[in-house]
Amino acid sequence: MGTIHQAQIVASEKDLLEAMKTSSAELLDKLLHIDGKFRYLRVWKLFGDNWKVIAGSVVASQT
């Protein structure tokens, strides 16, 4: 993976984390559905009363 893709992924991950923290449905929709440059997978687990991401991946889409 080239450094351009890495920089895009890091920026997208930062935006994704912020959108999740603020419950921004508009930003989440933009990041996960409209862009289409990357495919995200997150695995969540409930620990007591808190959900945490325990695994994840991101890959560049072929389109």
N, C-alpha and C. Protein backbone atom coordinates (compact mmCIF):
# COMPACT_ATOMS: atom_id res chain seq x y z
N MET A 1 0.85 -1.17 0.00
CA MET A 1 0.00 0.00 0.00
C MET A 1 0.89 1.23 0.00
N GLY A 2 0.57 2.17 -0.87
CA GLY A 2 1.38 3.38 -0.98
C GLY A 2 1.13 4.35 0.16
N THR A 3 2.04 5.30 0.29
CA THR A 3 1.90 6.27 1.37
C THR A 3 0.69 7.17 1.19
N ILE A 4 0.26 7.39 -0.06
CA ILE A 4 -0.95 8.20 -0.28
C ILE A 4 -2.16 7.49 0.31
N HIS A 5 -2.29 6.18 0.02
CA HIS A 5 -3.39 5.42 0.59
C HIS A 5 -3.31 5.40 2.11
N GLN A 6 -2.12 5.23 2.66
CA GLN A 6 -1.97 5.22 4.11
C GLN A 6 -2.41 6.54 4.71
N ALA A 7 -2.05 7.65 4.10
CA ALA A 7 -2.45 8.96 4.60
C ALA A 7 -3.96 9.14 4.52
N GLN A 8 -4.57 8.66 3.42
CA GLN A 8 -6.01 8.75 3.28
C GLN A 8 -6.71 7.91 4.34
N ILE A 9 -6.19 6.72 4.58
CA ILE A 9 -6.79 5.83 5.58
C ILE A 9 -6.69 6.44 6.97
N VAL A 10 -5.53 6.97 7.31
CA VAL A 10 -5.35 7.59 8.62
C VAL A 10 -6.32 8.76 8.80
N ALA A 11 -6.45 9.59 7.76
CA ALA A 11 -7.38 10.72 7.85
C ALA A 11 -8.82 10.23 7.96
N SER A 12 -9.18 9.21 7.19
CA SER A 12 -10.54 8.67 7.25
C SER A 12 -10.82 8.04 8.61
N GLU A 13 -9.86 7.32 9.15
CA GLU A 13 -10.03 6.71 10.47
C GLU A 13 -10.25 7.79 11.54
N LYS A 14 -9.50 8.88 11.45
CA LYS A 14 -9.65 9.98 12.40
C LYS A 14 -11.06 10.56 12.30
N ASP A 15 -11.52 10.79 11.06
CA ASP A 15 -12.87 11.31 10.84
C ASP A 15 -13.93 10.32 11.33
N LEU A 16 -13.70 9.04 11.07
CA LEU A 16 -14.64 8.00 11.49
C LEU A 16 -14.76 7.95 13.01
N LEU A 17 -13.64 8.01 13.69
CA LEU A 17 -13.65 8.00 15.16
C LEU A 17 -14.41 9.21 15.70
N GLU A 18 -14.15 10.38 15.13
CA GLU A 18 -14.84 11.59 15.58
C GLU A 18 -16.35 11.49 15.34
N ALA A 19 -16.73 10.95 14.19
CA ALA A 19 -18.15 10.79 13.87
C ALA A 19 -18.82 9.83 14.85
N MET A 20 -18.11 8.76 15.22
CA MET A 20 -18.68 7.81 16.18
C MET A 20 -18.80 8.44 17.56
N LYS A 21 -17.79 9.23 17.96
CA LYS A 21 -17.82 9.86 19.28
C LYS A 21 -18.96 10.87 19.40
N THR A 22 -19.23 11.58 18.31
CA THR A 22 -20.24 12.63 18.35
C THR A 22 -21.59 12.17 17.81
N SER A 23 -21.69 10.90 17.44
CA SER A 23 -22.92 10.34 16.87
C SER A 23 -23.40 11.14 15.66
N SER A 24 -22.46 11.54 14.83
CA SER A 24 -22.79 12.34 13.65
C SER A 24 -23.22 11.41 12.50
N ALA A 25 -24.54 11.23 12.37
CA ALA A 25 -25.08 10.37 11.32
C ALA A 25 -24.72 10.90 9.94
N GLU A 26 -24.71 12.21 9.78
CA GLU A 26 -24.39 12.81 8.48
C GLU A 26 -22.95 12.48 8.07
N LEU A 27 -22.01 12.63 8.99
CA LEU A 27 -20.61 12.34 8.69
C LEU A 27 -20.39 10.84 8.50
N LEU A 28 -21.02 10.03 9.33
CA LEU A 28 -20.91 8.58 9.16
C LEU A 28 -21.41 8.14 7.79
N ASP A 29 -22.54 8.69 7.37
CA ASP A 29 -23.08 8.36 6.05
C ASP A 29 -22.10 8.75 4.95
N LYS A 30 -21.53 9.92 5.09
CA LYS A 30 -20.56 10.38 4.08
C LYS A 30 -19.34 9.46 4.05
N LEU A 31 -18.81 9.13 5.20
CA LEU A 31 -17.59 8.33 5.27
C LEU A 31 -17.80 6.88 4.83
N LEU A 32 -18.94 6.32 5.17
CA LEU A 32 -19.13 4.89 4.95
C LEU A 32 -19.89 4.54 3.67
N HIS A 33 -20.62 5.47 3.11
CA HIS A 33 -21.47 5.11 1.97
C HIS A 33 -21.21 5.89 0.70
N ILE A 34 -20.95 7.15 0.80
CA ILE A 34 -20.83 7.97 -0.40
C ILE A 34 -19.44 7.88 -1.02
N ASP A 35 -18.41 7.92 -0.20
CA ASP A 35 -17.04 7.95 -0.69
C ASP A 35 -16.71 6.72 -1.53
N GLY A 36 -16.82 5.55 -0.96
CA GLY A 36 -16.60 4.30 -1.68
C GLY A 36 -15.16 3.98 -2.00
N LYS A 37 -14.20 4.78 -1.53
CA LYS A 37 -12.80 4.50 -1.82
C LYS A 37 -12.24 3.39 -0.94
N PHE A 38 -12.81 3.23 0.23
CA PHE A 38 -12.33 2.23 1.18
C PHE A 38 -13.51 1.44 1.73
N ARG A 39 -13.24 0.21 2.12
CA ARG A 39 -14.24 -0.64 2.77
C ARG A 39 -13.78 -0.87 4.21
N TYR A 40 -14.70 -0.64 5.14
CA TYR A 40 -14.39 -0.74 6.56
C TYR A 40 -15.12 -1.92 7.19
N LEU A 41 -14.45 -2.57 8.13
CA LEU A 41 -15.07 -3.61 8.95
C LEU A 41 -14.69 -3.34 10.39
N ARG A 42 -15.67 -3.29 11.25
CA ARG A 42 -15.43 -3.13 12.68
C ARG A 42 -16.17 -4.22 13.42
N VAL A 43 -15.52 -4.83 14.39
CA VAL A 43 -16.14 -5.84 15.24
C VAL A 43 -16.25 -5.23 16.63
N TRP A 44 -17.48 -5.15 17.12
CA TRP A 44 -17.76 -4.53 18.41
C TRP A 44 -18.09 -5.61 19.44
N LYS A 45 -17.73 -5.35 20.70
CA LYS A 45 -18.06 -6.24 21.80
C LYS A 45 -18.54 -5.40 22.98
N LEU A 46 -19.57 -5.90 23.64
CA LEU A 46 -20.11 -5.21 24.81
C LEU A 46 -19.35 -5.66 26.05
N PHE A 47 -18.74 -4.69 26.75
CA PHE A 47 -18.04 -4.93 28.01
C PHE A 47 -18.83 -4.21 29.10
N GLY A 48 -19.63 -4.95 29.86
CA GLY A 48 -20.48 -4.30 30.85
C GLY A 48 -21.51 -3.43 30.15
N ASP A 49 -21.42 -2.11 30.35
CA ASP A 49 -22.32 -1.17 29.69
C ASP A 49 -21.66 -0.43 28.53
N ASN A 50 -20.44 -0.81 28.17
CA ASN A 50 -19.69 -0.08 27.15
C ASN A 50 -19.38 -0.95 25.94
N TRP A 51 -19.66 -0.44 24.74
CA TRP A 51 -19.28 -1.10 23.50
C TRP A 51 -17.87 -0.67 23.13
N LYS A 52 -17.04 -1.62 22.71
CA LYS A 52 -15.68 -1.31 22.28
C LYS A 52 -15.39 -2.04 20.98
N VAL A 53 -14.60 -1.38 20.13
CA VAL A 53 -14.14 -2.04 18.91
C VAL A 53 -13.01 -2.98 19.32
N ILE A 54 -13.17 -4.27 18.99
CA ILE A 54 -12.13 -5.24 19.36
C ILE A 54 -11.33 -5.71 18.16
N ALA A 55 -11.81 -5.38 16.95
CA ALA A 55 -11.08 -5.74 15.73
C ALA A 55 -11.58 -4.87 14.60
N GLY A 56 -10.77 -4.74 13.59
CA GLY A 56 -11.20 -3.95 12.45
C GLY A 56 -10.22 -4.07 11.31
N SER A 57 -10.70 -3.68 10.14
CA SER A 57 -9.82 -3.63 8.98
C SER A 57 -10.36 -2.60 8.01
N VAL A 58 -9.48 -2.15 7.14
CA VAL A 58 -9.86 -1.25 6.07
C VAL A 58 -9.05 -1.64 4.84
N VAL A 59 -9.72 -1.69 3.71
CA VAL A 59 -9.04 -2.00 2.44
C VAL A 59 -9.51 -1.02 1.38
N ALA A 60 -8.64 -0.72 0.44
CA ALA A 60 -9.01 0.14 -0.68
C ALA A 60 -9.92 -0.65 -1.60
N SER A 61 -11.01 -0.02 -2.04
CA SER A 61 -11.93 -0.71 -2.95
C SER A 61 -11.32 -0.74 -4.35
N GLN A 62 -11.78 -1.66 -5.16
CA GLN A 62 -11.26 -1.84 -6.49
C GLN A 62 -11.89 -0.92 -7.53
N THR A 63 -12.88 -0.13 -7.12
CA THR A 63 -13.57 0.73 -8.10
C THR A 63 -12.90 2.07 -8.24
